[in-house]
């Protein structure tokens, strides 16, 4: 997820498998533990509720792994909270006619080995979609320990650079500036950049 141009904060890996945590993700584990305890759920019960494996959820709780954006969305849906609340708890109360603005360079950061992301307009709760800006740093599918997969839909629009959308059922799809794609994320998939320039993309993932 990019910020203005190529200047980003250390951010989230929207796409990209669960990966090494960064300093910006240190609160995620504690926040998830808090939500689980509030609901009197065991780790296994929470994992089933969120649609992730218990081992993965355990590693995220310990801050040993950083969830990708799609995984973040699944966990948030499971607990009934906004994805941004897992990064920093939100105190905004939904109201009619609400709106949010993300200025250039602003957003909630979350980083992985494959992408640098910014959750846009993250202060709004109960959104039906999650907008993200991402810089795809991966150059190989091997940069993904696990290919993302979730019960969501994803729309991607390429701002600059070139990227490949990899899927278990399709040949790699190359996309350049101005190109866009909409796909079901229930098939394992991942993104890589083509060439020396990191692809800068804006994408939207449904709430699941």
C-alpha atoms as a PDB file:
ATOM      1  CA  UNK A   1       0.000   0.000   0.000  1.00  0.00           C
ATOM      2  CA  UNK A   2       1.527   3.119  -0.986  1.00  0.00           C
ATOM      3  CA  UNK A   3       1.528   6.373   0.453  1.00  0.00           C
ATOM      4  CA  UNK A   4       2.252   9.351  -1.711  1.00  0.00           C
ATOM      5  CA  UNK A   5       4.529   8.269  -4.510  1.00  0.00           C
ATOM      6  CA  UNK A   6       6.920   5.720  -3.111  1.00  0.00           C
ATOM      7  CA  UNK A   7       7.091   7.140   0.383  1.00  0.00           C
ATOM      8  CA  UNK A   8       5.420   4.760   2.763  1.00  0.00           C
ATOM      9  CA  UNK A   9       5.499   4.036   6.359  1.00  0.00           C
ATOM     10  CA  UNK A  10       6.362   0.530   7.377  1.00  0.00           C
ATOM     11  CA  UNK A  11       3.089  -1.134   6.537  1.00  0.00           C
ATOM     12  CA  UNK A  12       0.818  -4.070   6.271  1.00  0.00           C
ATOM     13  CA  UNK A  13       0.972  -6.823   3.788  1.00  0.00           C
ATOM     14  CA  UNK A  14      -2.418  -6.996   2.464  1.00  0.00           C
ATOM     15  CA  UNK A  15      -1.899  -9.792   0.278  1.00  0.00           C
ATOM     16  CA  UNK A  16       0.909 -12.011   1.056  1.00  0.00           C
ATOM     17  CA  UNK A  17       0.818 -14.797   3.469  1.00  0.00           C
ATOM     18  CA  UNK A  18       1.161 -14.494   7.160  1.00  0.00           C
ATOM     19  CA  UNK A  19       4.580 -13.078   7.660  1.00  0.00           C
ATOM     20  CA  UNK A  20       7.081 -11.567  10.040  1.00  0.00           C
ATOM     21  CA  UNK A  21       5.632  -8.964  12.306  1.00  0.00           C
ATOM     22  CA  UNK A  22       6.866  -5.364  12.309  1.00  0.00           C
ATOM     23  CA  UNK A  23       6.908  -2.816  15.096  1.00  0.00           C
ATOM     24  CA  UNK A  24       3.671  -1.328  13.760  1.00  0.00           C
ATOM     25  CA  UNK A  25       1.887  -4.653  14.329  1.00  0.00           C
ATOM     26  CA  UNK A  26       2.833  -5.160  17.966  1.00  0.00           C
ATOM     27  CA  UNK A  27      -0.631  -4.269  19.239  1.00  0.00           C
ATOM     28  CA  UNK A  28      -2.509  -6.728  17.049  1.00  0.00           C
ATOM     29  CA  UNK A  29      -1.787  -9.777  19.190  1.00  0.00           C
ATOM     30  CA  UNK A  30      -2.843  -8.110  22.432  1.00  0.00           C
ATOM     31  CA  UNK A  31      -5.967  -6.712  20.797  1.00  0.00           C
ATOM     32  CA  UNK A  32      -7.024 -10.149  19.541  1.00  0.00           C
ATOM     33  CA  UNK A  33      -6.384 -11.727  22.942  1.00  0.00           C
ATOM     34  CA  UNK A  34      -8.510  -9.003  24.510  1.00  0.00           C
ATOM     35  CA  UNK A  35     -11.387  -9.585  22.077  1.00  0.00           C
ATOM     36  CA  UNK A  36     -11.194 -13.342  22.645  1.00  0.00           C
ATOM     37  CA  UNK A  37     -11.294 -12.963  26.427  1.00  0.00           C
ATOM     38  CA  UNK A  38     -14.167 -10.468  26.234  1.00  0.00           C
ATOM     39  CA  UNK A  39     -16.166 -13.138  24.436  1.00  0.00           C
ATOM     40  CA  UNK A  40     -14.997 -15.993  26.671  1.00  0.00           C
ATOM     41  CA  UNK A  41     -13.686 -17.904  23.660  1.00  0.00           C
ATOM     42  CA  UNK A  42     -10.862 -20.410  23.556  1.00  0.00           C
ATOM     43  CA  UNK A  43      -8.141 -20.126  20.933  1.00  0.00           C
ATOM     44  CA  UNK A  44      -9.686 -23.031  18.994  1.00  0.00           C
ATOM     45  CA  UNK A  45     -13.181 -21.510  19.132  1.00  0.00           C
ATOM     46  CA  UNK A  46     -11.862 -18.162  17.939  1.00  0.00           C
ATOM     47  CA  UNK A  47      -9.948 -19.789  15.100  1.00  0.00           C
ATOM     48  CA  UNK A  48     -13.103 -21.562  13.869  1.00  0.00           C
ATOM     49  CA  UNK A  49     -15.089 -18.332  14.189  1.00  0.00           C
ATOM     50  CA  UNK A  50     -12.534 -16.396  12.151  1.00  0.00           C
ATOM     51  CA  UNK A  51     -11.881 -19.096   9.587  1.00  0.00           C
ATOM     52  CA  UNK A  52      -8.142 -19.347  10.258  1.00  0.00           C
ATOM     53  CA  UNK A  53      -6.080 -22.159  11.737  1.00  0.00           C
ATOM     54  CA  UNK A  54      -5.507 -22.245  15.487  1.00  0.00           C
ATOM     55  CA  UNK A  55      -1.735 -22.342  14.944  1.00  0.00           C
ATOM     56  CA  UNK A  56      -1.879 -19.225  12.772  1.00  0.00           C
ATOM     57  CA  UNK A  57      -4.058 -17.345  15.252  1.00  0.00           C
ATOM     58  CA  UNK A  58      -1.750 -18.361  18.088  1.00  0.00           C
ATOM     59  CA  UNK A  59       1.303 -17.006  16.247  1.00  0.00           C
ATOM     60  CA  UNK A  60      -0.511 -13.735  15.508  1.00  0.00           C
ATOM     61  CA  UNK A  61      -1.511 -13.399  19.170  1.00  0.00           C
ATOM     62  CA  UNK A  62       2.128 -13.848  20.191  1.00  0.00           C
ATOM     63  CA  UNK A  63       3.156 -11.279  17.548  1.00  0.00           C
ATOM     64  CA  UNK A  64       5.315 -13.928  15.904  1.00  0.00           C
ATOM     65  CA  UNK A  65       3.441 -13.464  12.619  1.00  0.00           C
ATOM     66  CA  UNK A  66       1.830 -10.509  10.902  1.00  0.00           C
ATOM     67  CA  UNK A  67      -1.524 -11.170   9.168  1.00  0.00           C
ATOM     68  CA  UNK A  68      -2.067 -10.112   5.599  1.00  0.00           C
ATOM     69  CA  UNK A  69      -4.937  -7.737   4.942  1.00  0.00           C
ATOM     70  CA  UNK A  70      -7.226 -10.534   3.817  1.00  0.00           C
ATOM     71  CA  UNK A  71      -6.423 -12.484   6.988  1.00  0.00           C
ATOM     72  CA  UNK A  72      -6.905  -9.321   9.038  1.00  0.00           C
ATOM     73  CA  UNK A  73     -10.358  -8.901   7.485  1.00  0.00           C
ATOM     74  CA  UNK A  74     -11.295 -12.506   8.297  1.00  0.00           C
ATOM     75  CA  UNK A  75     -10.260 -12.126  11.934  1.00  0.00           C
ATOM     76  CA  UNK A  76     -12.078  -8.798  12.248  1.00  0.00           C
ATOM     77  CA  UNK A  77     -15.237 -10.305  10.730  1.00  0.00           C
ATOM     78  CA  UNK A  78     -15.041 -13.229  13.120  1.00  0.00           C
ATOM     79  CA  UNK A  79     -14.975 -10.916  16.134  1.00  0.00           C
ATOM     80  CA  UNK A  80     -17.395  -8.412  14.608  1.00  0.00           C
ATOM     81  CA  UNK A  81     -15.021  -5.448  14.581  1.00  0.00           C
ATOM     82  CA  UNK A  82     -13.460  -3.176  11.979  1.00  0.00           C
ATOM     83  CA  UNK A  83     -10.041  -4.356  10.640  1.00  0.00           C
ATOM     84  CA  UNK A  84      -8.485  -1.062  11.666  1.00  0.00           C
ATOM     85  CA  UNK A  85      -9.455  -1.732  15.278  1.00  0.00           C
ATOM     86  CA  UNK A  86      -7.034  -4.639  15.361  1.00  0.00           C
ATOM     87  CA  UNK A  87      -4.227  -2.174  14.654  1.00  0.00           C
ATOM     88  CA  UNK A  88      -5.480   0.598  16.922  1.00  0.00           C
ATOM     89  CA  UNK A  89      -8.870   0.380  18.651  1.00  0.00           C
ATOM     90  CA  UNK A  90     -11.323   2.880  17.153  1.00  0.00           C
ATOM     91  CA  UNK A  91     -13.653   4.981  19.259  1.00  0.00           C
ATOM     92  CA  UNK A  92     -15.730   6.303  16.370  1.00  0.00           C
ATOM     93  CA  UNK A  93     -19.460   5.554  16.610  1.00  0.00           C
ATOM     94  CA  UNK A  94     -21.257   4.895  13.290  1.00  0.00           C
ATOM     95  CA  UNK A  95     -23.735   7.627  12.321  1.00  0.00           C
ATOM     96  CA  UNK A  96     -25.922   8.418   9.281  1.00  0.00           C
ATOM     97  CA  UNK A  97     -24.174  10.272   6.469  1.00  0.00           C
ATOM     98  CA  UNK A  98     -20.747   9.395   7.832  1.00  0.00           C
ATOM     99  CA  UNK A  99     -17.622   9.759   5.733  1.00  0.00           C
ATOM    100  CA  UNK A 100     -13.883   9.555   6.128  1.00  0.00           C
ATOM    101  CA  UNK A 101     -10.953  11.112   4.290  1.00  0.00           C
ATOM    102  CA  UNK A 102      -7.442   9.724   3.953  1.00  0.00           C
ATOM    103  CA  UNK A 103      -4.937  12.372   2.876  1.00  0.00           C
ATOM    104  CA  UNK A 104      -1.837  11.491   0.888  1.00  0.00           C
ATOM    105  CA  UNK A 105       0.544   9.536   3.082  1.00  0.00           C
ATOM    106  CA  UNK A 106      -2.054   8.811   5.760  1.00  0.00           C
ATOM    107  CA  UNK A 107      -3.632   5.509   6.732  1.00  0.00           C
ATOM    108  CA  UNK A 108      -3.123   2.621   9.129  1.00  0.00           C
ATOM    109  CA  UNK A 109       0.135   0.833   8.259  1.00  0.00           C
ATOM    110  CA  UNK A 110       0.695  -2.908   8.252  1.00  0.00           C
ATOM    111  CA  UNK A 111       3.723  -4.643   6.657  1.00  0.00           C
ATOM    112  CA  UNK A 112       4.588  -8.106   5.378  1.00  0.00           C
ATOM    113  CA  UNK A 113       7.423  -9.647   3.376  1.00  0.00           C
ATOM    114  CA  UNK A 114       5.448  -9.290   0.144  1.00  0.00           C
ATOM    115  CA  UNK A 115       3.642  -5.937   0.431  1.00  0.00           C
ATOM    116  CA  UNK A 116       3.631  -2.572   2.173  1.00  0.00           C
ATOM    117  CA  UNK A 117       0.037  -1.547   2.881  1.00  0.00           C
ATOM    118  CA  UNK A 118      -2.024   1.354   4.152  1.00  0.00           C
ATOM    119  CA  UNK A 119      -5.612   0.801   5.323  1.00  0.00           C
ATOM    120  CA  UNK A 120      -7.544   3.799   4.026  1.00  0.00           C
ATOM    121  CA  UNK A 121     -10.416   5.543   5.842  1.00  0.00           C
ATOM    122  CA  UNK A 122      -9.868   3.050   8.648  1.00  0.00           C
ATOM    123  CA  UNK A 123     -11.581   5.170  11.315  1.00  0.00           C
ATOM    124  CA  UNK A 124     -15.021   4.190  10.008  1.00  0.00           C
ATOM    125  CA  UNK A 125     -16.543   1.159  11.682  1.00  0.00           C
ATOM    126  CA  UNK A 126     -18.702  -1.516  10.072  1.00  0.00           C
ATOM    127  CA  UNK A 127     -17.613  -0.813   6.513  1.00  0.00           C
ATOM    128  CA  UNK A 128     -18.859  -3.208   3.830  1.00  0.00           C
ATOM    129  CA  UNK A 129     -15.512  -2.977   2.083  1.00  0.00           C
ATOM    130  CA  UNK A 130     -11.918  -2.266   3.084  1.00  0.00           C
ATOM    131  CA  UNK A 131      -9.948   0.100   0.804  1.00  0.00           C
ATOM    132  CA  UNK A 132      -6.176  -0.315   0.773  1.00  0.00           C
ATOM    133  CA  UNK A 133      -3.192   1.168  -1.024  1.00  0.00           C
ATOM    134  CA  UNK A 134      -0.302  -1.223  -1.476  1.00  0.00           C
ATOM    135  CA  UNK A 135       3.239  -1.326  -2.778  1.00  0.00           C
ATOM    136  CA  UNK A 136       3.919  -4.864  -3.959  1.00  0.00           C
ATOM    137  CA  UNK A 137       7.490  -5.671  -2.933  1.00  0.00           C
ATOM    138  CA  UNK A 138       7.386  -9.401  -3.741  1.00  0.00           C
ATOM    139  CA  UNK A 139       9.194 -10.569  -6.875  1.00  0.00           C
ATOM    140  CA  UNK A 140       8.516 -14.282  -6.546  1.00  0.00           C
ATOM    141  CA  UNK A 141       5.656 -16.484  -5.380  1.00  0.00           C
ATOM    142  CA  UNK A 142       8.230 -17.982  -3.011  1.00  0.00           C
ATOM    143  CA  UNK A 143       7.999 -14.735  -1.032  1.00  0.00           C
ATOM    144  CA  UNK A 144       4.632 -16.063   0.193  1.00  0.00           C
ATOM    145  CA  UNK A 145       4.928 -18.785   2.850  1.00  0.00           C
ATOM    146  CA  UNK A 146       1.198 -19.322   2.268  1.00  0.00           C
ATOM    147  CA  UNK A 147      -0.899 -18.068  -0.633  1.00  0.00           C
ATOM    148  CA  UNK A 148      -3.840 -15.968   0.659  1.00  0.00           C
ATOM    149  CA  UNK A 149      -7.356 -17.397   0.431  1.00  0.00           C
ATOM    150  CA  UNK A 150     -10.595 -16.061   1.941  1.00  0.00           C
ATOM    151  CA  UNK A 151     -14.352 -15.807   1.428  1.00  0.00           C
ATOM    152  CA  UNK A 152     -14.095 -12.273   0.075  1.00  0.00           C
ATOM    153  CA  UNK A 153     -14.070 -10.464  -3.261  1.00  0.00           C
ATOM    154  CA  UNK A 154     -11.218  -8.206  -4.357  1.00  0.00           C
ATOM    155  CA  UNK A 155     -10.981  -5.327  -6.827  1.00  0.00           C
ATOM    156  CA  UNK A 156      -7.496  -4.140  -7.840  1.00  0.00           C
ATOM    157  CA  UNK A 157      -6.508  -1.052  -9.887  1.00  0.00           C
ATOM    158  CA  UNK A 158      -2.853  -0.511 -10.812  1.00  0.00           C
ATOM    159  CA  UNK A 159      -1.579   3.037 -10.270  1.00  0.00           C
ATOM    160  CA  UNK A 160       1.978   2.516 -11.493  1.00  0.00           C
ATOM    161  CA  UNK A 161       4.449  -0.256 -12.244  1.00  0.00           C
ATOM    162  CA  UNK A 162       3.480  -3.736 -13.392  1.00  0.00           C
ATOM    163  CA  UNK A 163       2.289  -6.726 -11.398  1.00  0.00           C
ATOM    164  CA  UNK A 164       1.331 -10.359 -11.856  1.00  0.00           C
ATOM    165  CA  UNK A 165      -1.791 -11.820 -10.274  1.00  0.00           C
ATOM    166  CA  UNK A 166      -1.088 -15.499  -9.593  1.00  0.00           C
ATOM    167  CA  UNK A 167      -3.901 -18.003  -9.061  1.00  0.00           C
ATOM    168  CA  UNK A 168      -4.156 -21.747  -8.544  1.00  0.00           C
ATOM    169  CA  UNK A 169      -6.674 -21.996 -11.403  1.00  0.00           C
ATOM    170  CA  UNK A 170      -5.514 -19.339 -13.896  1.00  0.00           C
ATOM    171  CA  UNK A 171      -2.313 -18.535 -15.705  1.00  0.00           C
ATOM    172  CA  UNK A 172      -0.489 -15.485 -14.230  1.00  0.00           C
ATOM    173  CA  UNK A 173      -2.249 -12.270 -15.256  1.00  0.00           C
ATOM    174  CA  UNK A 174      -0.017  -9.243 -15.942  1.00  0.00           C
ATOM    175  CA  UNK A 175      -1.476  -5.826 -15.154  1.00  0.00           C
ATOM    176  CA  UNK A 176      -0.050  -2.379 -15.883  1.00  0.00           C
ATOM    177  CA  UNK A 177      -0.968   1.244 -15.101  1.00  0.00           C
ATOM    178  CA  UNK A 178      -4.712   1.804 -15.505  1.00  0.00           C
ATOM    179  CA  UNK A 179      -5.522  -1.928 -15.637  1.00  0.00           C
ATOM    180  CA  UNK A 180      -7.946  -3.410 -13.134  1.00  0.00           C
ATOM    181  CA  UNK A 181      -9.279  -6.819 -12.128  1.00  0.00           C
ATOM    182  CA  UNK A 182     -12.107  -8.106  -9.925  1.00  0.00           C
ATOM    183  CA  UNK A 183     -11.928 -11.653  -8.574  1.00  0.00           C
ATOM    184  CA  UNK A 184     -13.138 -14.070  -5.924  1.00  0.00           C
ATOM    185  CA  UNK A 185     -10.464 -14.605  -3.282  1.00  0.00           C
ATOM    186  CA  UNK A 186     -11.712 -18.092  -2.382  1.00  0.00           C
ATOM    187  CA  UNK A 187      -9.014 -19.548  -4.648  1.00  0.00           C
ATOM    188  CA  UNK A 188      -5.413 -19.279  -3.427  1.00  0.00           C
ATOM    189  CA  UNK A 189      -3.743 -16.286  -5.051  1.00  0.00           C
ATOM    190  CA  UNK A 190      -0.880 -13.836  -4.633  1.00  0.00           C
ATOM    191  CA  UNK A 191       0.716 -10.772  -6.262  1.00  0.00           C
ATOM    192  CA  UNK A 192       4.251 -10.073  -7.475  1.00  0.00           C
ATOM    193  CA  UNK A 193       5.801  -7.032  -9.129  1.00  0.00           C
ATOM    194  CA  UNK A 194       7.384  -7.234 -12.572  1.00  0.00           C
ATOM    195  CA  UNK A 195      10.695  -5.456 -13.156  1.00  0.00           C
ATOM    196  CA  UNK A 196      12.669  -3.154 -10.888  1.00  0.00           C
ATOM    197  CA  UNK A 197       9.766  -0.871  -9.977  1.00  0.00           C
ATOM    198  CA  UNK A 198       7.382  -1.956  -7.226  1.00  0.00           C
ATOM    199  CA  UNK A 199       3.791  -1.984  -8.439  1.00  0.00           C
ATOM    200  CA  UNK A 200       1.633   0.619  -6.694  1.00  0.00           C
ATOM    201  CA  UNK A 201      -1.983  -0.524  -6.474  1.00  0.00           C
ATOM    202  CA  UNK A 202      -5.246   0.581  -4.905  1.00  0.00           C
ATOM    203  CA  UNK A 203      -7.574  -2.257  -4.039  1.00  0.00           C
ATOM    204  CA  UNK A 204     -10.783  -2.988  -2.205  1.00  0.00           C
ATOM    205  CA  UNK A 205     -11.631  -6.177  -0.335  1.00  0.00           C
ATOM    206  CA  UNK A 206     -15.213  -7.017   0.675  1.00  0.00           C
ATOM    207  CA  UNK A 207     -16.046  -7.550   4.316  1.00  0.00           C
ATOM    208  CA  UNK A 208     -16.352 -11.263   3.800  1.00  0.00           C
END
